[in-house]
């Protein structure tokens, strides 16, 4: 695993370089010489956090079946056109 370090300026100027470097290992992004952020591939993030979910699971809203949604009926939406 290769660890790459980039300054915030380098990251902003060449984000594609950072993304390519992240394929080989974590990319530390520094702010004023101090590590501030870490860029990882999503697969690596899932591996280290133990997340093994599908996108459908991430978008699901648990408990939504308990929400009462009342949509009022709208009347007289169509109006005759006035061509005078």
PDB file of N, CA and C in Angstrom:
ATOM      1  N   UNK A   1       0.854  -1.168   0.000  1.00  0.00           N
ATOM      2  CA  UNK A   1       0.000   0.000   0.000  1.00  0.00           C
ATOM      3  C   UNK A   1       0.903   1.235   0.000  1.00  0.00           C
ATOM      4  N   UNK A   2       0.593   2.149  -0.892  1.00  0.00           N
ATOM      5  CA  UNK A   2       1.351   3.388  -1.005  1.00  0.00           C
ATOM      6  C   UNK A   2       0.566   4.524  -0.355  1.00  0.00           C
ATOM      7  N   UNK A   3       1.224   5.311   0.464  1.00  0.00           N
ATOM      8  CA  UNK A   3       0.585   6.486   1.063  1.00  0.00           C
ATOM      9  C   UNK A   3       1.121   7.717   0.349  1.00  0.00           C
ATOM     10  N   UNK A   4       0.202   8.532  -0.156  1.00  0.00           N
ATOM     11  CA  UNK A   4       0.563   9.750  -0.873  1.00  0.00           C
ATOM     12  C   UNK A   4       0.144  10.945  -0.036  1.00  0.00           C
ATOM     13  N   UNK A   5       0.945  11.984  -0.035  1.00  0.00           N
ATOM     14  CA  UNK A   5       0.607  13.215   0.671  1.00  0.00           C
ATOM     15  C   UNK A   5       0.581  14.358  -0.332  1.00  0.00           C
ATOM     16  N   UNK A   6      -0.513  15.101  -0.328  1.00  0.00           N
ATOM     17  CA  UNK A   6      -0.679  16.262  -1.193  1.00  0.00           C
ATOM     18  C   UNK A   6      -1.112  17.452  -0.353  1.00  0.00           C
ATOM     19  N   UNK A   7      -0.656  18.626  -0.726  1.00  0.00           N
ATOM     20  CA  UNK A   7      -1.149  19.833  -0.068  1.00  0.00           C
ATOM     21  C   UNK A   7      -2.542  20.137  -0.604  1.00  0.00           C
ATOM     22  N   UNK A   8      -3.282  20.956   0.099  1.00  0.00           N
ATOM     23  CA  UNK A   8      -4.612  21.353  -0.368  1.00  0.00           C
ATOM     24  C   UNK A   8      -4.523  22.002  -1.740  1.00  0.00           C
ATOM     25  N   UNK A   9      -3.497  22.790  -1.951  1.00  0.00           N
ATOM     26  CA  UNK A   9      -3.308  23.461  -3.242  1.00  0.00           C
ATOM     27  C   UNK A   9      -3.078  22.442  -4.352  1.00  0.00           C
ATOM     28  N   UNK A  10      -2.215  21.456  -4.091  1.00  0.00           N
ATOM     29  CA  UNK A  10      -1.966  20.417  -5.098  1.00  0.00           C
ATOM     30  C   UNK A  10      -3.238  19.641  -5.398  1.00  0.00           C
ATOM     31  N   UNK A  11      -4.002  19.329  -4.354  1.00  0.00           N
ATOM     32  CA  UNK A  11      -5.252  18.598  -4.540  1.00  0.00           C
ATOM     33  C   UNK A  11      -6.220  19.408  -5.401  1.00  0.00           C
ATOM     34  N   UNK A  12      -6.360  20.697  -5.113  1.00  0.00           N
ATOM     35  CA  UNK A  12      -7.278  21.545  -5.872  1.00  0.00           C
ATOM     36  C   UNK A  12      -6.848  21.699  -7.328  1.00  0.00           C
ATOM     37  N   UNK A  13      -5.553  21.717  -7.566  1.00  0.00           N
ATOM     38  CA  UNK A  13      -5.061  21.905  -8.919  1.00  0.00           C
ATOM     39  C   UNK A  13      -5.116  20.624  -9.748  1.00  0.00           C
ATOM     40  N   UNK A  14      -5.068  19.463  -9.109  1.00  0.00           N
ATOM     41  CA  UNK A  14      -5.034  18.208  -9.856  1.00  0.00           C
ATOM     42  C   UNK A  14      -5.757  17.102  -9.093  1.00  0.00           C
ATOM     43  N   UNK A  15      -7.080  17.215  -9.034  1.00  0.00           N
ATOM     44  CA  UNK A  15      -7.876  16.219  -8.311  1.00  0.00           C
ATOM     45  C   UNK A  15      -7.771  14.846  -8.961  1.00  0.00           C
ATOM     46  N   UNK A  16      -7.615  14.792 -10.294  1.00  0.00           N
ATOM     47  CA  UNK A  16      -7.512  13.491 -10.962  1.00  0.00           C
ATOM     48  C   UNK A  16      -6.243  12.759 -10.531  1.00  0.00           C
ATOM     49  N   UNK A  17      -5.173  13.495 -10.273  1.00  0.00           N
ATOM     50  CA  UNK A  17      -3.940  12.878  -9.777  1.00  0.00           C
ATOM     51  C   UNK A  17      -4.197  12.245  -8.407  1.00  0.00           C
ATOM     52  N   UNK A  18      -4.939  12.932  -7.565  1.00  0.00           N
ATOM     53  CA  UNK A  18      -5.261  12.413  -6.229  1.00  0.00           C
ATOM     54  C   UNK A  18      -6.124  11.160  -6.334  1.00  0.00           C
ATOM     55  N   UNK A  19      -7.098  11.170  -7.240  1.00  0.00           N
ATOM     56  CA  UNK A  19      -7.955  10.000  -7.407  1.00  0.00           C
ATOM     57  C   UNK A  19      -7.155   8.802  -7.896  1.00  0.00           C
ATOM     58  N   UNK A  20      -6.232   9.025  -8.815  1.00  0.00           N
ATOM     59  CA  UNK A  20      -5.383   7.931  -9.296  1.00  0.00           C
ATOM     60  C   UNK A  20      -4.494   7.407  -8.174  1.00  0.00           C
ATOM     61  N   UNK A  21      -3.951   8.307  -7.368  1.00  0.00           N
ATOM     62  CA  UNK A  21      -3.101   7.897  -6.249  1.00  0.00           C
ATOM     63  C   UNK A  21      -3.897   7.092  -5.229  1.00  0.00           C
ATOM     64  N   UNK A  22      -5.177   7.411  -5.054  1.00  0.00           N
ATOM     65  CA  UNK A  22      -6.021   6.709  -4.084  1.00  0.00           C
ATOM     66  C   UNK A  22      -6.234   5.247  -4.473  1.00  0.00           C
ATOM     67  N   UNK A  23      -6.037   4.921  -5.748  1.00  0.00           N
ATOM     68  CA  UNK A  23      -6.167   3.526  -6.168  1.00  0.00           C
ATOM     69  C   UNK A  23      -5.051   2.665  -5.566  1.00  0.00           C
ATOM     70  N   UNK A  24      -3.913   3.291  -5.262  1.00  0.00           N
ATOM     71  CA  UNK A  24      -2.775   2.562  -4.691  1.00  0.00           C
ATOM     72  C   UNK A  24      -2.750   2.605  -3.164  1.00  0.00           C
ATOM     73  N   UNK A  25      -3.508   3.514  -2.562  1.00  0.00           N
ATOM     74  CA  UNK A  25      -3.524   3.638  -1.106  1.00  0.00           C
ATOM     75  C   UNK A  25      -4.075   4.984  -0.703  1.00  0.00           C
ATOM     76  N   UNK A  26      -4.135   5.250   0.591  1.00  0.00           N
ATOM     77  CA  UNK A  26      -4.723   6.509   1.072  1.00  0.00           C
ATOM     78  C   UNK A  26      -3.913   7.725   0.623  1.00  0.00           C
ATOM     79  N   UNK A  27      -4.634   8.822   0.414  1.00  0.00           N
ATOM     80  CA  UNK A  27      -4.007  10.094   0.054  1.00  0.00           C
ATOM     81  C   UNK A  27      -4.277  11.064   1.194  1.00  0.00           C
ATOM     82  N   UNK A  28      -3.213  11.502   1.853  1.00  0.00           N
ATOM     83  CA  UNK A  28      -3.350  12.493   2.910  1.00  0.00           C
ATOM     84  C   UNK A  28      -3.305  13.868   2.271  1.00  0.00           C
ATOM     85  N   UNK A  29      -4.295  14.686   2.601  1.00  0.00           N
ATOM     86  CA  UNK A  29      -4.364  16.055   2.092  1.00  0.00           C
ATOM     87  C   UNK A  29      -4.082  16.979   3.262  1.00  0.00           C
ATOM     88  N   UNK A  30      -3.044  17.778   3.100  1.00  0.00           N
ATOM     89  CA  UNK A  30      -2.618  18.632   4.204  1.00  0.00           C
ATOM     90  C   UNK A  30      -3.139  20.052   4.041  1.00  0.00           C
ATOM     91  N   UNK A  31      -3.297  20.701   5.165  1.00  0.00           N
ATOM     92  CA  UNK A  31      -3.675  22.109   5.210  1.00  0.00           C
ATOM     93  C   UNK A  31      -2.642  22.796   6.094  1.00  0.00           C
ATOM     94  N   UNK A  32      -1.846  23.642   5.482  1.00  0.00           N
ATOM     95  CA  UNK A  32      -0.753  24.336   6.186  1.00  0.00           C
ATOM     96  C   UNK A  32       0.226  23.348   6.821  1.00  0.00           C
ATOM     97  N   UNK A  33       0.493  22.266   6.069  1.00  0.00           N
ATOM     98  CA  UNK A  33       1.481  21.296   6.508  1.00  0.00           C
ATOM     99  C   UNK A  33       0.980  20.222   7.454  1.00  0.00           C
ATOM    100  N   UNK A  34      -0.276  20.313   7.868  1.00  0.00           N
ATOM    101  CA  UNK A  34      -0.818  19.332   8.807  1.00  0.00           C
ATOM    102  C   UNK A  34      -1.885  18.499   8.108  1.00  0.00           C
ATOM    103  N   UNK A  35      -1.910  17.188   8.326  1.00  0.00           N
ATOM    104  CA  UNK A  35      -2.941  16.354   7.708  1.00  0.00           C
ATOM    105  C   UNK A  35      -4.340  16.845   8.091  1.00  0.00           C
ATOM    106  N   UNK A  36      -5.182  17.033   7.076  1.00  0.00           N
ATOM    107  CA  UNK A  36      -6.536  17.530   7.325  1.00  0.00           C
ATOM    108  C   UNK A  36      -7.610  16.574   6.816  1.00  0.00           C
ATOM    109  N   UNK A  37      -7.308  15.861   5.728  1.00  0.00           N
ATOM    110  CA  UNK A  37      -8.293  14.958   5.114  1.00  0.00           C
ATOM    111  C   UNK A  37      -7.575  13.729   4.588  1.00  0.00           C
ATOM    112  N   UNK A  38      -8.354  12.666   4.375  1.00  0.00           N
ATOM    113  CA  UNK A  38      -7.827  11.450   3.765  1.00  0.00           C
ATOM    114  C   UNK A  38      -8.757  11.063   2.634  1.00  0.00           C
ATOM    115  N   UNK A  39      -8.192  10.828   1.463  1.00  0.00           N
ATOM    116  CA  UNK A  39      -8.967  10.390   0.309  1.00  0.00           C
ATOM    117  C   UNK A  39      -8.751   8.898   0.128  1.00  0.00           C
ATOM    118  N   UNK A  40      -9.864   8.144   0.058  1.00  0.00           N
ATOM    119  CA  UNK A  40      -9.834   6.696  -0.136  1.00  0.00           C
ATOM    120  C   UNK A  40     -10.768   6.337  -1.274  1.00  0.00           C
ATOM    121  N   UNK A  41     -10.545   5.187  -1.887  1.00  0.00           N
ATOM    122  CA  UNK A  41     -11.551   4.688  -2.816  1.00  0.00           C
ATOM    123  C   UNK A  41     -12.754   4.256  -1.981  1.00  0.00           C
ATOM    124  N   UNK A  42     -13.911   4.195  -2.604  1.00  0.00           N
ATOM    125  CA  UNK A  42     -15.102   3.806  -1.866  1.00  0.00           C
ATOM    126  C   UNK A  42     -15.000   2.356  -1.390  1.00  0.00           C
ATOM    127  N   UNK A  43     -14.411   1.492  -2.216  1.00  0.00           N
ATOM    128  CA  UNK A  43     -14.242   0.100  -1.804  1.00  0.00           C
ATOM    129  C   UNK A  43     -13.357  -0.012  -0.568  1.00  0.00           C
ATOM    130  N   UNK A  44     -12.288   0.787  -0.521  1.00  0.00           N
ATOM    131  CA  UNK A  44     -11.416   0.770   0.649  1.00  0.00           C
ATOM    132  C   UNK A  44     -12.146   1.304   1.881  1.00  0.00           C
ATOM    133  N   UNK A  45     -12.931   2.346   1.691  1.00  0.00           N
ATOM    134  CA  UNK A  45     -13.731   2.894   2.790  1.00  0.00           C
ATOM    135  C   UNK A  45     -14.687   1.832   3.340  1.00  0.00           C
ATOM    136  N   UNK A  46     -15.378   1.130   2.435  1.00  0.00           N
ATOM    137  CA  UNK A  46     -16.295   0.076   2.873  1.00  0.00           C
ATOM    138  C   UNK A  46     -15.544  -1.018   3.618  1.00  0.00           C
ATOM    139  N   UNK A  47     -14.349  -1.371   3.133  1.00  0.00           N
ATOM    140  CA  UNK A  47     -13.574  -2.430   3.758  1.00  0.00           C
ATOM    141  C   UNK A  47     -13.191  -2.066   5.196  1.00  0.00           C
ATOM    142  N   UNK A  48     -12.718  -0.841   5.400  1.00  0.00           N
ATOM    143  CA  UNK A  48     -12.255  -0.489   6.747  1.00  0.00           C
ATOM    144  C   UNK A  48     -13.387  -0.137   7.705  1.00  0.00           C
ATOM    145  N   UNK A  49     -14.549   0.247   7.176  1.00  0.00           N
ATOM    146  CA  UNK A  49     -15.675   0.558   8.060  1.00  0.00           C
ATOM    147  C   UNK A  49     -16.607  -0.626   8.251  1.00  0.00           C
ATOM    148  N   UNK A  50     -16.450  -1.650   7.431  1.00  0.00           N
ATOM    149  CA  UNK A  50     -17.303  -2.823   7.555  1.00  0.00           C
ATOM    150  C   UNK A  50     -18.674  -2.637   6.951  1.00  0.00           C
ATOM    151  N   UNK A  51     -18.847  -1.617   6.129  1.00  0.00           N
ATOM    152  CA  UNK A  51     -20.144  -1.373   5.494  1.00  0.00           C
ATOM    153  C   UNK A  51     -20.283  -2.270   4.276  1.00  0.00           C
ATOM    154  N   UNK A  52     -21.333  -3.066   4.259  1.00  0.00           N
ATOM    155  CA  UNK A  52     -21.599  -3.940   3.120  1.00  0.00           C
ATOM    156  C   UNK A  52     -23.066  -3.795   2.748  1.00  0.00           C
ATOM    157  N   UNK A  53     -23.443  -2.624   2.317  1.00  0.00           N
ATOM    158  CA  UNK A  53     -24.838  -2.378   1.977  1.00  0.00           C
ATOM    159  C   UNK A  53     -24.975  -2.089   0.489  1.00  0.00           C
ATOM    160  N   UNK A  54     -26.176  -2.221   0.034  1.00  0.00           N
ATOM    161  CA  UNK A  54     -26.509  -1.899  -1.350  1.00  0.00           C
ATOM    162  C   UNK A  54     -27.013  -0.461  -1.382  1.00  0.00           C
ATOM    163  N   UNK A  55     -26.951   0.157  -2.547  1.00  0.00           N
ATOM    164  CA  UNK A  55     -27.415   1.532  -2.678  1.00  0.00           C
ATOM    165  C   UNK A  55     -28.894   1.636  -2.303  1.00  0.00           C
ATOM    166  N   UNK A  56     -29.678   0.613  -2.603  1.00  0.00           N
ATOM    167  CA  UNK A  56     -31.099   0.628  -2.243  1.00  0.00           C
ATOM    168  C   UNK A  56     -31.273   0.695  -0.723  1.00  0.00           C
ATOM    169  N   UNK A  57     -30.400   0.022   0.002  1.00  0.00           N
ATOM    170  CA  UNK A  57     -30.464   0.070   1.473  1.00  0.00           C
ATOM    171  C   UNK A  57     -30.105   1.458   1.982  1.00  0.00           C
ATOM    172  N   UNK A  58     -29.146   2.108   1.323  1.00  0.00           N
ATOM    173  CA  UNK A  58     -28.745   3.446   1.744  1.00  0.00           C
ATOM    174  C   UNK A  58     -29.846   4.464   1.505  1.00  0.00           C
ATOM    175  N   UNK A  59     -30.646   4.245   0.458  1.00  0.00           N
ATOM    176  CA  UNK A  59     -31.706   5.188   0.122  1.00  0.00           C
ATOM    177  C   UNK A  59     -33.024   4.888   0.833  1.00  0.00           C
ATOM    178  N   UNK A  60     -33.132   3.742   1.460  1.00  0.00           N
ATOM    179  CA  UNK A  60     -34.364   3.358   2.140  1.00  0.00           C
ATOM    180  C   UNK A  60     -34.617   4.270   3.337  1.00  0.00           C
ATOM    181  N   UNK A  61     -35.883   4.437   3.652  1.00  0.00           N
ATOM    182  CA  UNK A  61     -36.264   5.256   4.793  1.00  0.00           C
ATOM    183  C   UNK A  61     -36.991   4.370   5.802  1.00  0.00           C
ATOM    184  N   UNK A  62     -36.263   3.803   6.757  1.00  0.00           N
ATOM    185  CA  UNK A  62     -36.918   2.944   7.751  1.00  0.00           C
ATOM    186  C   UNK A  62     -38.010   3.699   8.501  1.00  0.00           C
ATOM    187  N   UNK A  63     -39.146   3.055   8.679  1.00  0.00           N
ATOM    188  CA  UNK A  63     -40.249   3.667   9.402  1.00  0.00           C
ATOM    189  C   UNK A  63     -41.189   4.480   8.533  1.00  0.00           C
ATOM    190  N   UNK A  64     -40.914   4.559   7.233  1.00  0.00           N
ATOM    191  CA  UNK A  64     -41.752   5.369   6.347  1.00  0.00           C
ATOM    192  C   UNK A  64     -43.188   4.844   6.289  1.00  0.00           C
ATOM    193  N   UNK A  65     -43.343   3.553   6.530  1.00  0.00           N
ATOM    194  CA  UNK A  65     -44.692   2.985   6.481  1.00  0.00           C
ATOM    195  C   UNK A  65     -45.574   3.528   7.603  1.00  0.00           C
ATOM    196  N   UNK A  66     -44.997   4.122   8.624  1.00  0.00           N
ATOM    197  CA  UNK A  66     -45.770   4.675   9.738  1.00  0.00           C
ATOM    198  C   UNK A  66     -46.172   6.128   9.527  1.00  0.00           C
ATOM    199  N   UNK A  67     -45.741   6.744   8.432  1.00  0.00           N
ATOM    200  CA  UNK A  67     -46.043   8.147   8.173  1.00  0.00           C
ATOM    201  C   UNK A  67     -47.379   8.248   7.448  1.00  0.00           C
ATOM    202  N   UNK A  68     -48.265   9.087   7.983  1.00  0.00           N
ATOM    203  CA  UNK A  68     -49.549   9.336   7.336  1.00  0.00           C
ATOM    204  C   UNK A  68     -49.404  10.532   6.406  1.00  0.00           C
ATOM    205  N   UNK A  69     -49.694  10.326   5.157  1.00  0.00           N
ATOM    206  CA  UNK A  69     -49.592  11.392   4.171  1.00  0.00           C
ATOM    207  C   UNK A  69     -50.977  11.653   3.612  1.00  0.00           C
ATOM    208  N   UNK A  70     -51.470  12.836   3.866  1.00  0.00           N
ATOM    209  CA  UNK A  70     -52.775  13.221   3.359  1.00  0.00           C
ATOM    210  C   UNK A  70     -52.571  14.258   2.267  1.00  0.00           C
ATOM    211  N   UNK A  71     -53.007  13.927   1.070  1.00  0.00           N
ATOM    212  CA  UNK A  71     -52.885  14.848  -0.057  1.00  0.00           C
ATOM    213  C   UNK A  71     -54.284  15.363  -0.369  1.00  0.00           C
ATOM    214  N   UNK A  72     -54.498  16.670  -0.203  1.00  0.00           N
ATOM    215  CA  UNK A  72     -55.826  17.221  -0.473  1.00  0.00           C
ATOM    216  C   UNK A  72     -56.125  17.188  -1.971  1.00  0.00           C
ATOM    217  N   UNK A  73     -57.409  16.929  -2.281  1.00  0.00           N
ATOM    218  CA  UNK A  73     -57.813  16.938  -3.681  1.00  0.00           C
ATOM    219  C   UNK A  73     -57.993  18.382  -4.131  1.00  0.00           C
ATOM    220  N   UNK A  74     -57.451  18.698  -5.278  1.00  0.00           N
ATOM    221  CA  UNK A  74     -57.580  20.033  -5.833  1.00  0.00           C
ATOM    222  C   UNK A  74     -58.697  20.027  -6.870  1.00  0.00           C
ATOM    223  N   UNK A  75     -59.554  21.018  -6.802  1.00  0.00           N
ATOM    224  CA  UNK A  75     -60.681  21.118  -7.730  1.00  0.00           C
ATOM    225  C   UNK A  75     -60.494  22.353  -8.604  1.00  0.00           C
ATOM    226  N   UNK A  76     -61.107  22.320  -9.753  1.00  0.00           N
ATOM    227  CA  UNK A  76     -61.115  23.472 -10.676  1.00  0.00           C
ATOM    228  C   UNK A  76     -59.703  23.900 -11.072  1.00  0.00           C
ATOM    229  N   UNK A  77     -58.855  22.969 -11.383  1.00  0.00           N
ATOM    230  CA  UNK A  77     -57.531  23.315 -11.857  1.00  0.00           C
ATOM    231  C   UNK A  77     -57.572  23.844 -13.280  1.00  0.00           C
ATOM    232  N   UNK A  78     -58.458  23.295 -14.093  1.00  0.00           N
ATOM    233  CA  UNK A  78     -58.551  23.719 -15.492  1.00  0.00           C
ATOM    234  C   UNK A  78     -59.457  24.952 -15.585  1.00  0.00           C
ATOM    235  N   UNK A  79     -58.977  25.941 -16.275  1.00  0.00           N
ATOM    236  CA  UNK A  79     -59.744  27.173 -16.487  1.00  0.00           C
ATOM    237  C   UNK A  79     -59.938  27.363 -18.010  1.00  0.00           C
ATOM    238  N   UNK A  80     -61.096  27.817 -18.432  1.00  0.00           N
ATOM    239  CA  UNK A  80     -61.263  28.066 -19.868  1.00  0.00           C
ATOM    240  C   UNK A  80     -60.375  29.230 -20.293  1.00  0.00           C
ATOM    241  N   UNK A  81     -59.817  29.117 -21.501  1.00  0.00           N
ATOM    242  CA  UNK A  81     -58.942  30.169 -22.022  1.00  0.00           C
ATOM    243  C   UNK A  81     -59.761  31.371 -22.469  1.00  0.00           C
ATOM    244  N   UNK A  82     -59.253  32.545 -22.205  1.00  0.00           N
ATOM    245  CA  UNK A  82     -59.932  33.777 -22.610  1.00  0.00           C
ATOM    246  C   UNK A  82     -59.184  34.337 -23.828  1.00  0.00           C
ATOM    247  N   UNK A  83     -59.764  34.201 -25.030  1.00  0.00           N
ATOM    248  CA  UNK A  83     -59.135  34.650 -26.266  1.00  0.00           C
ATOM    249  C   UNK A  83     -59.637  36.012 -26.721  1.00  0.00           C
ATOM    250  N   UNK A  84     -60.248  36.784 -25.851  1.00  0.00           N
ATOM    251  CA  UNK A  84     -60.791  38.083 -26.276  1.00  0.00           C
ATOM    252  C   UNK A  84     -59.725  39.139 -26.384  1.00  0.00           C
TER     253      UNK A  84
END
